[in-house]
């Protein structure tokens, strides 16, 4: 017999894991999922048995974010208008 509840639960678990991977933090993941806060996401994680990302993985995501942010600022600085030479 087809178990729709189990399939929905697995889909929810997969989306939570994906949002944590992409967002890097519970707050960012909650935002990606359209949840009100990281506390709400924590409740969903408990309900569906999803473990938080490991501290090592979290640090890797933060480092990746820092690099992307630095690159963004570098592009912004290089494209700032300069004073015309008169």
Foldseek 3Di string as FASTA:
>chain_A
DDDPVVVVLVVLLVLLVVLCLVQLDLQSSCVVVVHDGSVVSVVSCVVSVHDHDDPVSSVVNVVVVVVVVVVVVVVVVVPDDDDDDD
